[in-house]
Amino acid sequence: MPASDLPLLIEAAEEAGRIATRYIGTPIEIREKPDGAGPVTEADLAVDAALSQMLRAARPDYGWLSEETEDNVDRLGAERVFIVDPIDGTRAFIEGEDIWAHSLAVAERGVVTAAAIYLPMCDKLYTAAVGQGAALNGVPIRVTDREGLDGASLLAARPALAAELWRAGHAPKVTRAFRPSLAYRLSLVAEGRYDAMLTLRASWEWDIAAGDLILREAGAVTSTRRAAPLVFNNPDPRLDGVIAANPGLHSALHAALAD
C-alpha cells in the first residue's frame, strides 16, 4: 500500500529528526558494537525505539528490520516489512556534522514500495512511492542523463577505484566524491547532483532500501555490483554491493568493472 505507507514514513522520519536533534550539543553516550560494526549512540537507540513503536503500531502485520533492533526471523514470513536505519552516518552525527540521515522504507515481497530519507540538519526530505516519482521537499527530482564514464561524477569510497577492480587495469577518469551516509549518497544521485554511485562492499539492506526506490523512481537503474536486481528482506540482510545511475551509465559502469 505505497499510497498510504508514504505519508506514514514521512511522519515517522520527521519525528525521528525531532528526537535525534535533541541530542546535538549535549554529552551523549557512545559505545562500539561487537565485531567492528561501528559506533552506536543513545540517539540511535532512542530513534529506533520511537520508530518501532510508531510504525509497528500503525502496521502490526508488517515485519521489522532495523540496524539497531535485534533481528527476528519472523520478518521473513511477512508480506511487507519496514526496513529502517535510525541514523545513517552515526560517525558524522557524533562528530557534529550535518550530513546524517534517517532512512525508512517498506518492502513488499522483496521490492521497496515506499521510501523516505530525511536529513533534518540540511532540511532535506527525499521521498518516493511506486509509480509516483521521486521528490526532494515535494519537488520532483531526476537523475542526470550522462552516459560516458569519462568525466562523470561518481560517489564512491576511495578503495572502489583501486586499479585491480577495473577491467582496463585502472579506474575510469571520473570525478570522485564521498559522503558518510550511504542513504544520502543514493539520494544525491537521484537528485541529479552526481551522475552515479558505486559501492563494492557488502551493504546492509537498511542503508540501501529507501534509496533504491527513490533512485528508481527518479529514472535510475539500481543493482548489485554484478548487475543483479536488488532484493530485500533476505535471511542475511546484506547486498553484494550497489551500482546506481541512469541506464546508460549504469551499463557502462558494470561493463568497466572486473569480474
Protein backbone atom coordinates (compact mmCIF):
# COMPACT_ATOMS: atom_id res chain seq x y z
CA MET A 1 0.00 0.00 0.00
CA PRO A 2 2.58 2.62 -1.06
CA ALA A 3 -0.04 5.37 -1.32
CA SER A 4 -0.86 5.10 2.36
CA ASP A 5 2.57 3.96 3.55
CA LEU A 6 4.46 7.01 2.28
CA PRO A 7 2.65 9.59 4.48
CA LEU A 8 3.30 7.31 7.46
CA LEU A 9 7.01 7.09 6.63
CA ILE A 10 7.23 10.87 6.21
CA GLU A 11 5.57 11.46 9.58
CA ALA A 12 7.89 8.93 11.22
CA ALA A 13 11.01 10.39 9.58
CA GLU A 14 10.15 13.88 10.78
CA GLU A 15 9.58 12.59 14.32
CA ALA A 16 12.96 10.81 14.12
CA GLY A 17 14.54 14.14 13.23
CA ARG A 18 12.96 15.85 16.23
CA ILE A 19 14.27 13.14 18.55
CA ALA A 20 17.81 12.99 17.13
CA THR A 21 18.38 16.74 17.08
CA ARG A 22 17.61 16.98 20.80
CA TYR A 23 20.92 15.23 21.44
CA ILE A 24 23.00 17.71 19.46
CA GLY A 25 25.29 19.79 21.66
CA THR A 26 24.78 17.56 24.70
CA PRO A 27 27.00 14.87 26.22
CA ILE A 28 25.99 11.65 24.52
CA GLU A 29 26.57 8.02 25.41
CA ILE A 30 28.52 6.13 22.74
CA ARG A 31 29.57 2.51 22.58
CA GLU A 32 31.20 0.32 19.95
CA LYS A 33 29.23 -2.56 18.51
CA PRO A 34 30.77 -6.04 18.50
CA ASP A 35 32.90 -7.29 15.60
CA GLY A 36 33.92 -3.82 14.50
CA ALA A 37 30.41 -2.93 13.35
CA GLY A 38 30.89 0.72 14.30
CA PRO A 39 29.56 3.05 16.99
CA VAL A 40 26.02 3.35 18.30
CA THR A 41 24.76 6.24 20.40
CA GLU A 42 21.85 6.72 22.75
CA ALA A 43 20.33 8.87 20.00
CA ASP A 44 20.37 5.91 17.56
CA LEU A 45 18.62 3.77 20.14
CA ALA A 46 16.06 6.42 21.05
CA VAL A 47 15.14 6.96 17.41
CA ASP A 48 14.95 3.22 16.82
CA ALA A 49 12.61 2.74 19.78
CA ALA A 50 10.33 5.58 18.66
CA LEU A 51 10.18 4.37 15.06
CA SER A 52 9.49 0.82 16.13
CA GLN A 53 6.63 1.89 18.37
CA MET A 54 5.11 4.28 15.84
CA LEU A 55 5.41 2.22 12.67
CA ARG A 56 4.61 -1.19 14.10
CA ALA A 57 1.57 0.15 15.90
CA ALA A 58 0.31 1.59 12.62
CA ARG A 59 1.05 -1.59 10.62
CA PRO A 60 1.07 -4.53 13.08
CA ASP A 61 1.18 -7.11 10.28
CA TYR A 62 4.39 -5.69 8.76
CA GLY A 63 7.76 -7.22 9.56
CA TRP A 64 10.60 -5.19 11.06
CA LEU A 65 14.27 -4.93 10.07
CA SER A 66 16.36 -2.20 11.68
CA GLU A 67 20.06 -1.70 12.24
CA GLU A 68 19.51 -1.11 15.94
CA THR A 69 16.96 -3.87 16.69
CA GLU A 70 17.98 -7.48 17.24
CA ASP A 71 16.92 -9.34 14.10
CA ASN A 72 13.96 -11.70 14.26
CA VAL A 73 13.26 -14.31 11.58
CA ASP A 74 9.54 -13.61 11.90
CA ARG A 75 10.04 -10.81 9.34
CA LEU A 76 10.78 -13.42 6.67
CA GLY A 77 7.17 -14.61 6.77
CA ALA A 78 5.70 -11.12 6.44
CA GLU A 79 4.37 -9.95 3.08
CA ARG A 80 5.53 -6.41 3.85
CA VAL A 81 8.39 -5.27 6.04
CA PHE A 82 9.73 -1.98 7.37
CA ILE A 83 13.46 -1.58 6.68
CA VAL A 84 14.93 1.19 8.81
CA ASP A 85 18.24 2.82 9.62
CA PRO A 86 17.52 5.09 12.60
CA ILE A 87 20.62 7.23 11.95
CA ASP A 88 22.67 6.54 8.83
CA GLY A 89 26.03 8.20 9.27
CA THR A 90 26.37 7.80 13.04
CA ARG A 91 30.04 8.82 12.99
CA ALA A 92 29.10 12.09 11.26
CA PHE A 93 26.38 12.60 13.87
CA ILE A 94 28.90 12.07 16.69
CA GLU A 95 31.38 14.49 15.10
CA GLY A 96 28.77 17.24 14.84
CA GLU A 97 28.42 17.17 11.06
CA ASP A 98 25.09 17.75 9.32
CA ILE A 99 25.11 15.00 6.68
CA TRP A 100 23.49 12.12 8.53
CA ALA A 101 20.06 10.77 7.69
CA HIS A 102 17.04 8.78 8.78
CA SER A 103 16.28 6.08 6.21
CA LEU A 104 12.86 4.40 6.18
CA ALA A 105 11.35 2.01 3.64
CA VAL A 106 8.59 -0.51 3.14
CA ALA A 107 9.36 -3.59 1.03
CA GLU A 108 6.68 -5.90 -0.34
CA ARG A 109 7.81 -9.40 -1.33
CA GLY A 110 11.38 -8.12 -1.68
CA VAL A 111 10.64 -4.92 -3.62
CA VAL A 112 10.63 -1.47 -1.99
CA THR A 113 7.29 0.29 -2.48
CA ALA A 114 7.57 3.41 -0.29
CA ALA A 115 10.59 5.32 0.98
CA ALA A 116 11.70 8.39 2.88
CA ILE A 117 15.21 9.68 3.60
CA TYR A 118 15.37 12.71 5.89
CA LEU A 119 18.37 14.90 6.72
CA PRO A 120 16.97 17.17 9.45
CA MET A 121 20.08 19.37 9.73
CA CYS A 122 20.01 20.02 5.98
CA ASP A 123 16.23 20.37 5.71
CA LYS A 124 16.16 17.67 3.01
CA LEU A 125 13.36 15.13 2.73
CA TYR A 126 13.64 12.68 -0.17
CA THR A 127 10.51 10.61 -0.85
CA ALA A 128 9.15 8.09 -3.31
CA ALA A 129 6.29 5.64 -3.79
CA VAL A 130 5.93 3.12 -6.58
CA GLY A 131 4.64 4.76 -9.73
CA GLN A 132 4.52 8.22 -8.18
CA GLY A 133 8.01 9.50 -8.91
CA ALA A 134 10.67 10.76 -6.52
CA ALA A 135 10.82 14.16 -4.85
CA LEU A 136 13.02 16.36 -2.69
CA ASN A 137 10.94 18.50 -0.34
CA GLY A 138 7.95 17.84 -2.57
CA VAL A 139 9.66 18.90 -5.81
CA PRO A 140 10.19 16.14 -8.44
CA ILE A 141 13.78 15.00 -8.98
CA ARG A 142 15.52 13.15 -11.79
CA VAL A 143 18.90 11.53 -12.38
CA THR A 144 21.34 13.01 -14.88
CA ASP A 145 21.43 11.83 -18.50
CA ARG A 146 25.23 11.44 -18.79
CA GLU A 147 26.21 8.17 -20.47
CA GLY A 148 30.00 8.30 -20.80
CA LEU A 149 32.22 7.37 -17.85
CA ASP A 150 34.97 9.87 -18.66
CA GLY A 151 34.33 12.98 -16.60
CA ALA A 152 31.32 11.51 -14.77
CA SER A 153 30.86 12.45 -11.12
CA LEU A 154 30.91 9.31 -9.00
CA LEU A 155 30.09 8.95 -5.31
CA ALA A 156 32.33 6.15 -4.04
CA ALA A 157 34.85 5.35 -1.34
CA ARG A 158 38.47 5.64 -2.47
CA PRO A 159 39.14 1.84 -2.39
CA ALA A 160 36.45 1.31 -5.06
CA LEU A 161 38.78 2.94 -7.59
CA ALA A 162 41.67 0.54 -6.98
CA ALA A 163 43.19 -0.49 -10.33
CA GLU A 164 42.64 -4.23 -9.87
CA LEU A 165 38.86 -3.78 -9.60
CA TRP A 166 38.54 -2.48 -13.17
CA ARG A 167 38.69 -4.42 -16.43
CA ALA A 168 41.09 -1.94 -18.06
CA GLY A 169 43.60 -2.28 -15.21
CA HIS A 170 42.83 1.23 -13.99
CA ALA A 171 39.79 3.16 -12.81
CA PRO A 172 37.87 5.27 -15.33
CA LYS A 173 38.54 9.01 -15.45
CA VAL A 174 35.75 10.01 -13.10
CA THR A 175 35.48 12.79 -10.55
CA ARG A 176 35.16 11.02 -7.21
CA ALA A 177 33.31 12.38 -4.18
CA PHE A 178 32.12 10.84 -0.94
CA ARG A 179 29.52 11.29 1.80
CA PRO A 180 29.48 9.25 5.02
CA SER A 181 25.78 8.42 4.78
CA LEU A 182 25.12 5.76 2.17
CA ALA A 183 21.44 6.74 2.05
CA TYR A 184 22.48 10.33 1.27
CA ARG A 185 24.85 9.19 -1.49
CA LEU A 186 21.99 7.35 -3.16
CA SER A 187 19.72 10.37 -2.76
CA LEU A 188 22.26 12.75 -4.29
CA VAL A 189 22.36 10.65 -7.44
CA ALA A 190 18.56 10.57 -7.55
CA GLU A 191 18.60 14.36 -7.21
CA GLY A 192 20.95 14.72 -10.16
CA ARG A 193 23.72 16.30 -8.09
CA TYR A 194 26.04 13.41 -9.05
CA ASP A 195 25.95 11.05 -12.00
CA ALA A 196 26.44 7.69 -10.28
CA MET A 197 27.05 5.90 -7.02
CA LEU A 198 29.13 2.77 -6.51
CA THR A 199 30.00 0.59 -3.56
CA LEU A 200 31.68 -2.78 -3.99
CA ARG A 201 31.42 -3.80 -0.36
CA ALA A 202 28.66 -5.92 1.14
CA SER A 203 25.98 -3.39 2.09
CA TRP A 204 23.27 -3.68 4.73
CA GLU A 205 19.71 -3.52 3.48
CA TRP A 206 18.78 -0.72 5.88
CA ASP A 207 21.40 1.53 4.25
CA ILE A 208 20.09 0.84 0.75
CA ALA A 209 16.35 0.11 0.76
CA ALA A 210 14.91 3.63 0.82
CA GLY A 211 17.48 4.98 -1.63
CA ASP A 212 16.81 2.11 -4.02
CA LEU A 213 13.21 3.17 -4.63
CA ILE A 214 13.99 6.91 -4.66
CA LEU A 215 16.59 6.25 -7.35
CA ARG A 216 14.37 4.00 -9.46
CA GLU A 217 11.50 6.48 -9.32
CA ALA A 218 13.99 9.19 -10.38
CA GLY A 219 14.90 7.22 -13.51
CA ALA A 220 17.94 5.26 -12.31
CA VAL A 221 18.83 1.61 -12.63
CA THR A 222 19.95 0.02 -9.36
CA SER A 223 21.66 -3.33 -8.96
CA THR A 224 24.28 -5.28 -7.08
CA ARG A 225 27.87 -4.92 -8.23
CA ARG A 226 27.23 -7.89 -10.55
CA ALA A 227 24.13 -6.24 -12.09
CA ALA A 228 21.62 -8.47 -10.28
CA PRO A 229 18.38 -6.83 -9.12
CA LEU A 230 18.29 -5.56 -5.54
CA VAL A 231 16.01 -7.82 -3.48
CA PHE A 232 15.20 -7.02 0.15
CA ASN A 233 14.18 -8.83 3.34
CA ASN A 234 16.73 -11.60 2.90
CA PRO A 235 17.67 -14.01 5.71
CA ASP A 236 21.14 -12.40 5.63
CA PRO A 237 20.23 -8.72 5.15
CA ARG A 238 23.30 -7.81 3.13
CA LEU A 239 23.56 -6.99 -0.56
CA ASP A 240 26.50 -7.67 -2.86
CA GLY A 241 27.45 -4.03 -3.37
CA VAL A 242 25.43 -1.43 -5.28
CA ILE A 243 25.65 0.30 -8.66
CA ALA A 244 23.21 3.18 -9.25
CA ALA A 245 22.99 5.52 -12.25
CA ASN A 246 20.87 6.29 -15.27
CA PRO A 247 20.50 3.24 -17.58
CA GLY A 248 23.34 4.09 -19.96
CA LEU A 249 25.86 5.00 -17.28
CA HIS A 250 24.86 2.01 -15.17
CA SER A 251 25.66 -0.30 -18.10
CA ALA A 252 28.99 1.46 -18.66
CA LEU A 253 29.99 1.13 -15.02
CA HIS A 254 29.12 -2.55 -14.86
CA ALA A 255 30.94 -3.26 -18.12
CA ALA A 256 34.06 -1.46 -16.85
CA LEU A 257 34.28 -3.44 -13.61
CA ALA A 258 36.49 -6.52 -13.48
CA ASP A 259 34.75 -9.87 -12.99
